[in-house]
N, C-alpha and C. Protein backbone atom coordinates (compact mmCIF):
# COMPACT_ATOMS: atom_id res chain seq x y z
N MET A 1 0.83 -1.18 0.00
CA MET A 1 0.00 0.00 0.00
C MET A 1 0.88 1.24 0.00
N LYS A 2 0.30 2.37 -0.33
CA LYS A 2 1.05 3.62 -0.39
C LYS A 2 0.58 4.58 0.69
N ILE A 3 1.54 5.21 1.33
CA ILE A 3 1.26 6.26 2.31
C ILE A 3 2.14 7.46 1.96
N ILE A 4 1.84 8.58 2.56
CA ILE A 4 2.64 9.79 2.37
C ILE A 4 3.29 10.12 3.71
N VAL A 5 4.63 10.20 3.73
CA VAL A 5 5.36 10.52 4.95
C VAL A 5 6.08 11.85 4.74
N ASN A 6 5.65 12.86 5.48
CA ASN A 6 6.23 14.20 5.35
C ASN A 6 6.30 14.63 3.89
N GLY A 7 5.23 14.35 3.14
CA GLY A 7 5.12 14.78 1.75
C GLY A 7 5.75 13.85 0.74
N ILE A 8 6.35 12.74 1.17
CA ILE A 8 7.01 11.81 0.25
C ILE A 8 6.26 10.48 0.25
N GLU A 9 5.93 9.99 -0.94
CA GLU A 9 5.21 8.73 -1.06
C GLU A 9 6.11 7.55 -0.69
N LYS A 10 5.58 6.66 0.14
CA LYS A 10 6.31 5.46 0.58
C LYS A 10 5.42 4.25 0.41
N GLU A 11 6.05 3.09 0.21
CA GLU A 11 5.34 1.81 0.15
C GLU A 11 5.52 1.11 1.49
N CYS A 12 4.47 0.44 1.95
CA CYS A 12 4.58 -0.37 3.17
C CYS A 12 3.56 -1.50 3.12
N ASN A 13 3.71 -2.45 4.03
CA ASN A 13 2.79 -3.59 4.13
C ASN A 13 1.45 -3.16 4.70
N ASP A 14 0.44 -3.97 4.46
CA ASP A 14 -0.90 -3.67 4.95
C ASP A 14 -1.01 -3.71 6.47
N THR A 15 -0.05 -4.35 7.14
CA THR A 15 -0.12 -4.49 8.60
C THR A 15 0.92 -3.62 9.32
N THR A 16 1.53 -2.68 8.61
CA THR A 16 2.58 -1.84 9.19
C THR A 16 2.00 -0.91 10.24
N THR A 17 2.64 -0.90 11.41
CA THR A 17 2.24 0.04 12.46
C THR A 17 3.09 1.31 12.34
N LEU A 18 2.68 2.33 13.04
CA LEU A 18 3.44 3.57 13.04
C LEU A 18 4.85 3.34 13.60
N LEU A 19 4.97 2.53 14.64
CA LEU A 19 6.28 2.23 15.21
C LEU A 19 7.15 1.48 14.21
N GLU A 20 6.59 0.51 13.49
CA GLU A 20 7.35 -0.21 12.48
C GLU A 20 7.83 0.72 11.37
N LEU A 21 6.99 1.68 10.99
CA LEU A 21 7.40 2.66 9.98
C LEU A 21 8.61 3.44 10.47
N LEU A 22 8.57 3.89 11.72
CA LEU A 22 9.71 4.63 12.28
C LEU A 22 10.96 3.77 12.31
N GLU A 23 10.81 2.51 12.67
CA GLU A 23 11.96 1.59 12.69
C GLU A 23 12.52 1.40 11.28
N ASN A 24 11.64 1.23 10.29
CA ASN A 24 12.07 1.04 8.90
C ASN A 24 12.79 2.28 8.36
N LEU A 25 12.36 3.45 8.81
CA LEU A 25 12.98 4.70 8.37
C LEU A 25 14.18 5.09 9.25
N GLN A 26 14.49 4.25 10.22
CA GLN A 26 15.58 4.47 11.17
C GLN A 26 15.42 5.81 11.91
N LEU A 27 14.19 6.06 12.35
CA LEU A 27 13.88 7.29 13.06
C LEU A 27 13.48 7.05 14.51
N THR A 28 13.59 5.80 14.97
CA THR A 28 13.24 5.50 16.35
C THR A 28 14.11 6.33 17.28
N GLY A 29 13.49 7.01 18.22
CA GLY A 29 14.23 7.85 19.16
C GLY A 29 14.48 9.26 18.66
N LYS A 30 14.22 9.52 17.39
CA LYS A 30 14.44 10.85 16.83
C LYS A 30 13.14 11.63 16.69
N VAL A 31 12.03 10.91 16.50
CA VAL A 31 10.74 11.56 16.31
C VAL A 31 10.10 11.81 17.67
N MET A 32 9.64 13.03 17.88
CA MET A 32 9.02 13.40 19.14
C MET A 32 7.49 13.39 19.07
N ALA A 33 6.95 13.61 17.86
CA ALA A 33 5.50 13.64 17.69
C ALA A 33 5.15 13.09 16.32
N ALA A 34 3.96 12.49 16.24
CA ALA A 34 3.51 11.94 14.96
C ALA A 34 2.02 12.22 14.81
N ALA A 35 1.63 12.50 13.58
CA ALA A 35 0.23 12.71 13.26
C ALA A 35 -0.11 11.90 12.01
N ILE A 36 -1.30 11.35 12.01
CA ILE A 36 -1.81 10.65 10.83
C ILE A 36 -3.08 11.36 10.41
N ASN A 37 -3.09 11.83 9.17
CA ASN A 37 -4.24 12.56 8.64
C ASN A 37 -4.64 13.71 9.57
N MET A 38 -3.61 14.44 10.03
CA MET A 38 -3.78 15.63 10.87
C MET A 38 -4.27 15.34 12.29
N GLU A 39 -4.24 14.07 12.72
CA GLU A 39 -4.62 13.68 14.09
C GLU A 39 -3.37 13.21 14.82
N ILE A 40 -3.08 13.84 15.94
CA ILE A 40 -1.91 13.45 16.74
C ILE A 40 -2.11 12.03 17.27
N VAL A 41 -1.07 11.23 17.18
CA VAL A 41 -1.08 9.87 17.74
C VAL A 41 -0.11 9.87 18.92
N LYS A 42 -0.61 9.56 20.09
CA LYS A 42 0.24 9.54 21.29
C LYS A 42 1.29 8.44 21.16
N GLN A 43 2.45 8.72 21.72
CA GLN A 43 3.60 7.82 21.58
C GLN A 43 3.30 6.41 22.09
N ASP A 44 2.50 6.28 23.14
CA ASP A 44 2.20 4.95 23.67
C ASP A 44 1.25 4.16 22.77
N GLN A 45 0.73 4.79 21.70
CA GLN A 45 -0.16 4.11 20.76
C GLN A 45 0.54 3.77 19.44
N TRP A 46 1.80 4.17 19.27
CA TRP A 46 2.51 3.96 18.01
C TRP A 46 2.59 2.48 17.64
N SER A 47 2.78 1.60 18.62
CA SER A 47 2.94 0.17 18.32
C SER A 47 1.62 -0.50 17.94
N SER A 48 0.50 0.11 18.26
CA SER A 48 -0.80 -0.49 17.93
C SER A 48 -1.54 0.24 16.81
N CYS A 49 -0.99 1.35 16.36
CA CYS A 49 -1.63 2.15 15.31
C CYS A 49 -1.22 1.61 13.94
N ILE A 50 -2.16 0.91 13.29
CA ILE A 50 -1.89 0.31 11.98
C ILE A 50 -2.22 1.33 10.89
N LEU A 51 -1.27 1.51 9.99
CA LEU A 51 -1.44 2.47 8.90
C LEU A 51 -2.38 1.91 7.84
N LYS A 52 -3.06 2.83 7.14
CA LYS A 52 -3.98 2.44 6.08
C LYS A 52 -3.55 3.07 4.76
N ASP A 53 -3.93 2.45 3.67
CA ASP A 53 -3.59 2.95 2.34
C ASP A 53 -4.04 4.41 2.21
N GLY A 54 -3.14 5.27 1.76
CA GLY A 54 -3.47 6.67 1.55
C GLY A 54 -3.26 7.57 2.76
N ASP A 55 -2.88 6.98 3.90
CA ASP A 55 -2.65 7.81 5.09
C ASP A 55 -1.56 8.84 4.83
N LYS A 56 -1.75 10.02 5.42
CA LYS A 56 -0.74 11.07 5.37
C LYS A 56 -0.13 11.18 6.76
N VAL A 57 1.14 10.79 6.85
CA VAL A 57 1.85 10.74 8.13
C VAL A 57 2.80 11.92 8.21
N GLU A 58 2.74 12.65 9.32
CA GLU A 58 3.68 13.74 9.58
C GLU A 58 4.49 13.37 10.81
N LEU A 59 5.81 13.37 10.67
CA LEU A 59 6.72 13.04 11.77
C LEU A 59 7.49 14.30 12.13
N LEU A 60 7.45 14.64 13.41
CA LEU A 60 8.02 15.90 13.86
C LEU A 60 9.11 15.67 14.91
N ASP A 61 10.13 16.49 14.84
CA ASP A 61 11.19 16.52 15.84
C ASP A 61 11.30 17.96 16.30
N PHE A 62 11.36 18.18 17.60
CA PHE A 62 11.44 19.53 18.13
C PHE A 62 12.90 19.98 18.17
N VAL A 63 13.13 21.17 17.67
CA VAL A 63 14.47 21.74 17.62
C VAL A 63 14.46 23.05 18.41
N GLY A 64 15.40 23.16 19.33
CA GLY A 64 15.50 24.39 20.11
C GLY A 64 16.27 25.45 19.33
N GLY A 65 16.03 26.66 19.65
CA GLY A 65 16.72 27.75 18.97
C GLY A 65 16.52 29.03 19.74
N GLY A 66 17.10 30.06 19.22
CA GLY A 66 16.92 31.31 19.95
C GLY A 66 17.27 32.48 19.13
């Protein structure tokens, strides 16, 4: 199936969870927040949140500055 991750189309399995996506993209520990179709997904739900065809995933990392 196809999903959009931060504006880039990606292929994944029908049973891929949000956590598995992060692991596949080697972003585990780097992403601080995630949203699917503009809905925030709490970090404790990443392992049970199964992605669906056409989902738009936004992965965010907070950067400090001044």
